[in-house]
Protein backbone atom coordinates (compact mmCIF):
# COMPACT_ATOMS: atom_id res chain seq x y z
CA MET A 1 -6.83 4.35 24.20
CA ARG A 2 -3.97 2.75 26.23
CA HIS A 3 -4.99 3.12 29.85
CA ARG A 4 -1.86 3.67 32.64
CA ASP A 5 -0.78 -0.07 32.88
CA GLY A 6 -1.27 -0.07 29.26
CA SER A 7 -5.01 -1.79 28.52
CA ALA A 8 -6.59 -1.24 25.34
CA GLY A 9 -9.72 -0.66 24.82
CA ASP A 10 -12.51 0.32 26.99
CA ALA A 11 -12.27 -1.13 29.93
CA ASP A 12 -8.76 -0.70 32.96
CA TYR A 13 -7.33 -3.22 34.19
CA GLY A 14 -4.78 -1.86 35.77
CA ARG A 15 -8.24 -0.74 37.92
CA ILE A 16 -10.58 -3.59 37.77
CA GLY A 17 -7.98 -6.34 37.36
CA HIS A 18 -6.32 -7.51 40.41
CA THR A 19 -8.47 -9.92 41.41
CA TYR A 20 -9.38 -11.49 37.95
CA SER A 21 -7.58 -14.50 38.20
CA ALA A 22 -9.45 -15.60 41.50
CA TYR A 23 -12.43 -15.43 39.49
CA ARG A 24 -12.16 -15.99 35.99
CA GLN A 25 -10.25 -19.22 36.07
CA PRO A 26 -10.70 -21.72 32.36
CA ASP A 27 -13.45 -24.24 33.09
CA PRO A 28 -12.34 -27.26 31.27
CA ARG A 29 -15.43 -28.12 29.50
CA ILE A 30 -14.91 -24.82 27.48
CA ALA A 31 -11.24 -25.32 27.18
CA ALA A 32 -12.24 -29.07 25.18
CA MET A 33 -14.22 -27.29 22.92
CA ILE A 34 -11.92 -24.58 22.16
CA ALA A 35 -9.34 -26.93 22.20
CA GLU A 36 -11.20 -28.85 19.11
CA ALA A 37 -11.86 -25.98 16.92
CA LEU A 38 -8.21 -25.20 17.18
CA GLY A 39 -8.34 -28.15 15.21
CA PRO A 40 -4.27 -30.31 15.19
CA ALA A 41 -2.57 -26.27 14.93
CA GLY A 42 1.33 -26.83 16.49
CA THR A 43 1.21 -22.74 16.77
CA VAL A 44 -1.69 -20.65 18.74
CA LEU A 45 -1.86 -16.90 18.79
CA ASN A 46 -3.69 -15.99 21.69
CA VAL A 47 -4.96 -12.22 21.22
CA GLY A 48 -6.17 -10.00 24.09
CA ALA A 49 -4.58 -13.56 26.20
CA GLY A 50 -5.43 -11.66 29.54
CA ALA A 51 -4.24 -13.73 32.60
CA GLY A 52 -3.70 -17.01 29.99
CA SER A 53 -7.39 -18.52 30.14
CA TYR A 54 -8.26 -21.23 27.64
CA GLU A 55 -4.32 -21.40 26.75
CA PRO A 56 -3.67 -25.41 25.65
CA ALA A 57 -1.28 -26.67 27.70
CA ASP A 58 -0.02 -29.28 24.06
CA ARG A 59 0.41 -26.41 21.82
CA HIS A 60 2.97 -23.90 21.54
CA VAL A 61 1.09 -20.38 22.21
CA THR A 62 1.89 -16.87 22.02
CA ALA A 63 0.25 -14.77 24.13
CA VAL A 64 -0.48 -10.65 23.17
CA GLU A 65 -2.38 -8.55 26.12
CA PRO A 66 -1.52 -5.07 26.74
CA SER A 67 -2.27 -4.83 29.93
CA ALA A 68 0.87 -4.77 32.92
CA SER A 69 -1.95 -6.12 35.61
CA MET A 70 -3.12 -8.78 33.50
CA ARG A 71 0.34 -10.18 32.07
CA ALA A 72 1.46 -10.34 35.88
CA GLN A 73 -1.34 -12.61 36.70
CA ARG A 74 0.00 -15.28 33.85
CA PRO A 75 0.52 -18.41 35.85
CA PRO A 76 4.30 -19.65 35.83
CA GLU A 77 3.84 -22.23 33.75
CA LEU A 78 2.83 -20.22 30.73
CA ALA A 79 5.12 -17.97 28.25
CA PRO A 80 5.26 -14.28 28.84
CA ALA A 81 2.81 -12.39 27.13
CA ILE A 82 3.86 -9.63 24.60
CA ASP A 83 2.76 -6.23 25.60
CA ALA A 84 1.29 -5.57 22.16
CA THR A 85 -2.57 -4.64 20.73
CA ALA A 86 -4.52 -6.73 19.22
CA GLU A 87 -4.78 -3.97 15.89
CA ARG A 88 -1.38 -3.87 15.61
CA LEU A 89 0.33 -7.66 15.74
CA PRO A 90 4.27 -7.28 15.77
CA PHE A 91 4.01 -10.73 13.51
CA ALA A 92 4.29 -11.34 10.00
CA ASP A 93 2.13 -12.49 7.37
CA ASP A 94 0.39 -16.36 8.16
CA SER A 95 2.97 -16.62 11.37
CA PHE A 96 0.80 -19.12 13.17
CA ASP A 97 -1.50 -22.15 12.46
CA ALA A 98 -4.26 -21.00 14.08
CA ALA A 99 -5.50 -18.07 16.34
CA MET A 100 -7.96 -17.74 19.44
CA ALA A 101 -9.31 -14.74 21.53
CA SER A 102 -11.58 -15.28 24.28
CA PHE A 103 -13.93 -12.51 26.02
CA THR A 104 -11.87 -9.68 24.68
CA ILE A 105 -12.97 -8.32 20.79
CA HIS A 106 -15.69 -6.87 22.60
CA GLN A 107 -12.94 -4.59 24.15
CA TRP A 108 -10.65 -3.50 21.39
CA THR A 109 -10.96 -0.41 19.89
CA ASP A 110 -10.87 -0.89 16.54
CA LEU A 111 -13.17 -4.14 16.29
CA ALA A 112 -11.88 -4.64 11.86
CA ALA A 113 -8.81 -3.87 12.26
CA GLY A 114 -8.20 -6.22 15.12
CA LEU A 115 -9.86 -8.83 13.22
CA ARG A 116 -7.51 -8.23 9.90
CA GLU A 117 -4.73 -8.97 12.15
CA MET A 118 -5.64 -11.56 13.49
CA ARG A 119 -6.69 -13.10 10.33
CA ARG A 120 -2.92 -12.00 8.32
CA VAL A 121 -0.95 -13.88 10.79
CA THR A 122 -2.86 -17.26 10.88
CA ARG A 123 -2.91 -19.60 8.24
CA GLY A 124 -6.03 -22.33 9.89
CA PRO A 125 -8.62 -21.66 12.19
CA VAL A 126 -9.84 -18.12 13.81
CA VAL A 127 -11.35 -19.25 17.52
CA ILE A 128 -13.01 -16.46 19.48
CA LEU A 129 -14.95 -17.07 22.35
CA THR A 130 -18.05 -13.88 22.87
CA CYS A 131 -21.58 -13.36 23.45
CA ASP A 132 -24.50 -12.88 21.43
CA PRO A 133 -25.39 -9.35 21.59
CA ARG A 134 -28.77 -10.16 21.03
CA GLU A 135 -29.41 -13.26 23.69
CA VAL A 136 -27.54 -11.08 26.58
CA GLU A 137 -30.42 -9.26 28.00
CA ALA A 138 -32.47 -12.54 28.05
CA PHE A 139 -30.59 -13.21 31.74
CA TRP A 140 -32.08 -13.08 34.94
CA LEU A 141 -29.51 -10.31 36.08
CA SER A 142 -31.62 -8.19 33.48
CA ASP A 143 -34.30 -7.80 36.24
CA TYR A 144 -31.36 -6.56 39.01
CA ALA A 145 -28.42 -4.88 36.76
CA PRO A 146 -30.27 -3.42 33.65
CA LYS A 147 -27.79 -1.13 32.55
CA VAL A 148 -24.98 -3.86 33.27
CA LEU A 149 -25.89 -6.23 30.65
CA ALA A 150 -27.09 -2.84 28.77
CA THR A 151 -23.59 -2.21 28.40
CA GLU A 152 -22.91 -5.45 27.39
CA VAL A 153 -25.51 -5.29 24.44
CA ARG A 154 -23.53 -2.20 23.39
CA ARG A 155 -20.36 -3.80 23.68
CA TYR A 156 -19.99 -6.95 22.32
CA PRO A 157 -20.13 -6.77 18.02
CA SER A 158 -22.53 -8.94 16.34
CA PHE A 159 -21.39 -11.82 14.78
CA ASP A 160 -21.66 -10.71 10.90
CA LYS A 161 -19.46 -7.81 12.11
CA VAL A 162 -16.88 -10.20 13.28
CA ALA A 163 -17.59 -12.53 9.74
CA GLU A 164 -17.06 -9.30 8.06
CA GLY A 165 -13.36 -8.67 10.02
CA LEU A 166 -12.39 -12.28 9.75
CA GLY A 167 -13.25 -12.25 5.91
CA THR A 168 -13.92 -15.57 5.77
CA PRO A 169 -17.48 -17.16 6.74
CA ILE A 170 -17.82 -18.05 10.76
CA THR A 171 -19.51 -21.01 12.16
CA ARG A 172 -21.08 -20.29 15.21
CA ILE A 173 -21.22 -22.91 18.18
CA ALA A 174 -23.17 -22.34 21.31
CA VAL A 175 -21.29 -23.37 24.43
CA PRO A 176 -23.23 -24.63 27.09
CA ILE A 177 -22.61 -23.19 30.41
CA PRO A 178 -22.10 -25.84 33.24
CA PHE A 179 -23.58 -24.82 36.77
CA ASP A 180 -20.22 -25.21 38.36
CA CYS A 181 -18.11 -22.96 35.60
CA ARG A 182 -15.17 -21.45 36.58
CA ASP A 183 -15.03 -18.98 34.80
CA GLY A 184 -16.85 -16.33 36.25
CA PHE A 185 -18.36 -13.95 33.81
CA ASN A 186 -22.44 -12.85 34.90
CA GLU A 187 -24.09 -15.82 33.13
CA ALA A 188 -21.29 -18.44 34.61
CA TYR A 189 -23.46 -17.60 38.05
CA TYR A 190 -26.44 -18.70 36.32
CA GLY A 191 -27.67 -21.09 39.16
CA ARG A 192 -25.43 -19.01 41.99
CA PRO A 193 -26.55 -15.62 42.41
CA GLU A 194 -24.75 -15.42 45.09
CA LYS A 195 -21.83 -15.08 44.07
CA LEU A 196 -22.64 -11.60 42.30
CA LEU A 197 -22.74 -10.18 46.26
CA GLU A 198 -18.72 -10.88 46.17
CA PRO A 199 -17.60 -6.95 45.03
CA ALA A 200 -14.52 -9.17 43.29
CA ALA A 201 -16.28 -11.56 41.44
CA ARG A 202 -18.28 -8.33 40.46
CA LEU A 203 -15.28 -6.60 39.16
CA SER A 204 -13.87 -9.55 37.91
CA CYS A 205 -17.07 -8.74 34.83
CA SER A 206 -15.76 -5.22 33.02
CA ALA A 207 -19.06 -4.41 32.04
CA TRP A 208 -19.57 -3.73 36.21
CA SER A 209 -17.13 -0.85 36.16
CA PHE A 210 -19.18 0.87 33.02
CA ILE A 211 -21.97 1.56 36.08
CA THR A 212 -21.50 4.23 38.74
CA PRO A 213 -21.08 2.88 42.71
CA GLU A 214 -24.01 3.60 43.42
CA GLU A 215 -25.75 2.31 40.47
CA ALA A 216 -23.73 -1.12 41.29
CA ASP A 217 -24.93 -1.33 45.12
CA ALA A 218 -28.51 -0.14 44.03
CA ALA A 219 -28.42 -3.35 42.49
CA VAL A 220 -26.83 -5.76 44.97
CA ALA A 221 -29.19 -4.69 47.44
CA ARG A 222 -32.01 -5.66 45.13
CA LEU A 223 -30.27 -8.97 44.85
CA ALA A 224 -29.78 -9.38 48.11
CA ALA A 225 -32.75 -8.84 49.58
CA ASP A 226 -35.03 -11.11 47.04
CA LEU A 227 -32.39 -13.97 47.67
CA ALA A 228 -33.36 -13.64 51.83
CA SER A 229 -36.81 -13.26 51.41
CA GLY A 230 -37.47 -16.02 48.83
CA ALA A 231 -38.21 -14.04 46.16
CA TRP A 232 -35.30 -14.72 43.80
CA ASP A 233 -36.24 -18.48 44.22
CA ALA A 234 -39.41 -17.94 43.23
CA ARG A 235 -38.88 -16.90 40.03
CA TYR A 236 -35.31 -18.66 39.07
CA GLY A 237 -34.90 -21.15 41.94
CA ALA A 238 -34.85 -24.21 39.29
CA LEU A 239 -31.46 -22.80 37.52
CA ARG A 240 -30.49 -23.94 40.74
CA ARG A 241 -30.91 -27.71 39.22
CA GLU A 242 -30.12 -27.20 35.59
CA PRO A 243 -27.05 -29.08 35.42
CA ALA A 244 -25.80 -26.48 32.54
CA TYR A 245 -26.96 -23.17 31.43
CA ARG A 246 -27.84 -22.21 27.12
CA GLY A 247 -27.37 -18.36 27.73
CA SER A 248 -25.15 -15.88 25.38
CA LEU A 249 -22.22 -17.68 25.04
CA TYR A 250 -20.20 -18.96 21.89
CA LEU A 251 -17.59 -20.31 19.54
CA LEU A 252 -16.94 -18.23 16.75
CA VAL A 253 -14.72 -20.09 14.12
CA SER A 254 -13.48 -19.01 10.71
CA SER A 255 -11.70 -21.77 9.03
CA GLY A 256 -8.30 -21.38 7.78
CA LYS A 257 -7.66 -18.60 4.19
CA ALA A 258 -8.88 -19.87 0.63
C-alpha cells in the first residue's frame, strides 16, 4: 500500500510526518553503535531512510524512501533519496558493502520481501535498528496509552522473523537510550515525560496515529494530571536521574553472505 505522498506500509507520513525531522534527529551515541556495526563498509544502502537519520557521513550512502514528505525533510548535506520501497529495491545483486534500516521494518507492507531484497543487494552486513515486541509494554507509557504500545507490539516483527527473512543468523545488541536522547521515539522520553504532552512529539512516533484523537486526548490528560499531582514522579521519578534506559531498542546485525 502507498499513501497519497508515496508513504508505503501502514503509516501515512504525508499526514503525520511534516514535523518529523524536528523531533526525530539522530542521537550521536546510537549513531556510533550503528557505524560500528556497519564495519569498514564504504558503500551503504539506507532503506526506509526517512529524513536521513543515522546515515554515516564518512561513507557513500544511497538512500531509499517512498514518502515525498519525508524526502523533503532531508538536510541539504545529504544526497536526495530515491523514491522506492524496500520490497522492490532498484539495484543489482551485491551492489553495496552494507545496508541499514532504522525504525522502519515494522512499517513495511511485506517484511519478508523487504528483508530478502536488502540481503540480495548487500555483500556485507545488514544492520537494523528496531524494537523487541516482547519488551515494548514494559515501558511506563502503558499506564497512560496502552493502545499505543499495543500497536507497537503488533507492528514490530519478532527477531526470529527478521532472521528468517534475511536468511542468515543475526546478532542482537541492546541499545542504551540516553537521558537526553535526540531521537524522539516513545522510550526516548523515559525520564522526560512532559515531552509527550506535545502533539508534534507524539505524532513523530507513528503508533500514536493508530488511536483515535479522543483516545490520545484522554491519555494525555491522564499523564498531565499525574505530572501535576506528583503521581507520575512517585512511581517513576527515579528515571529522571537515570543517565540511560534499558528499554526495547536493539540493533540486529546480519553478517555478510556466506
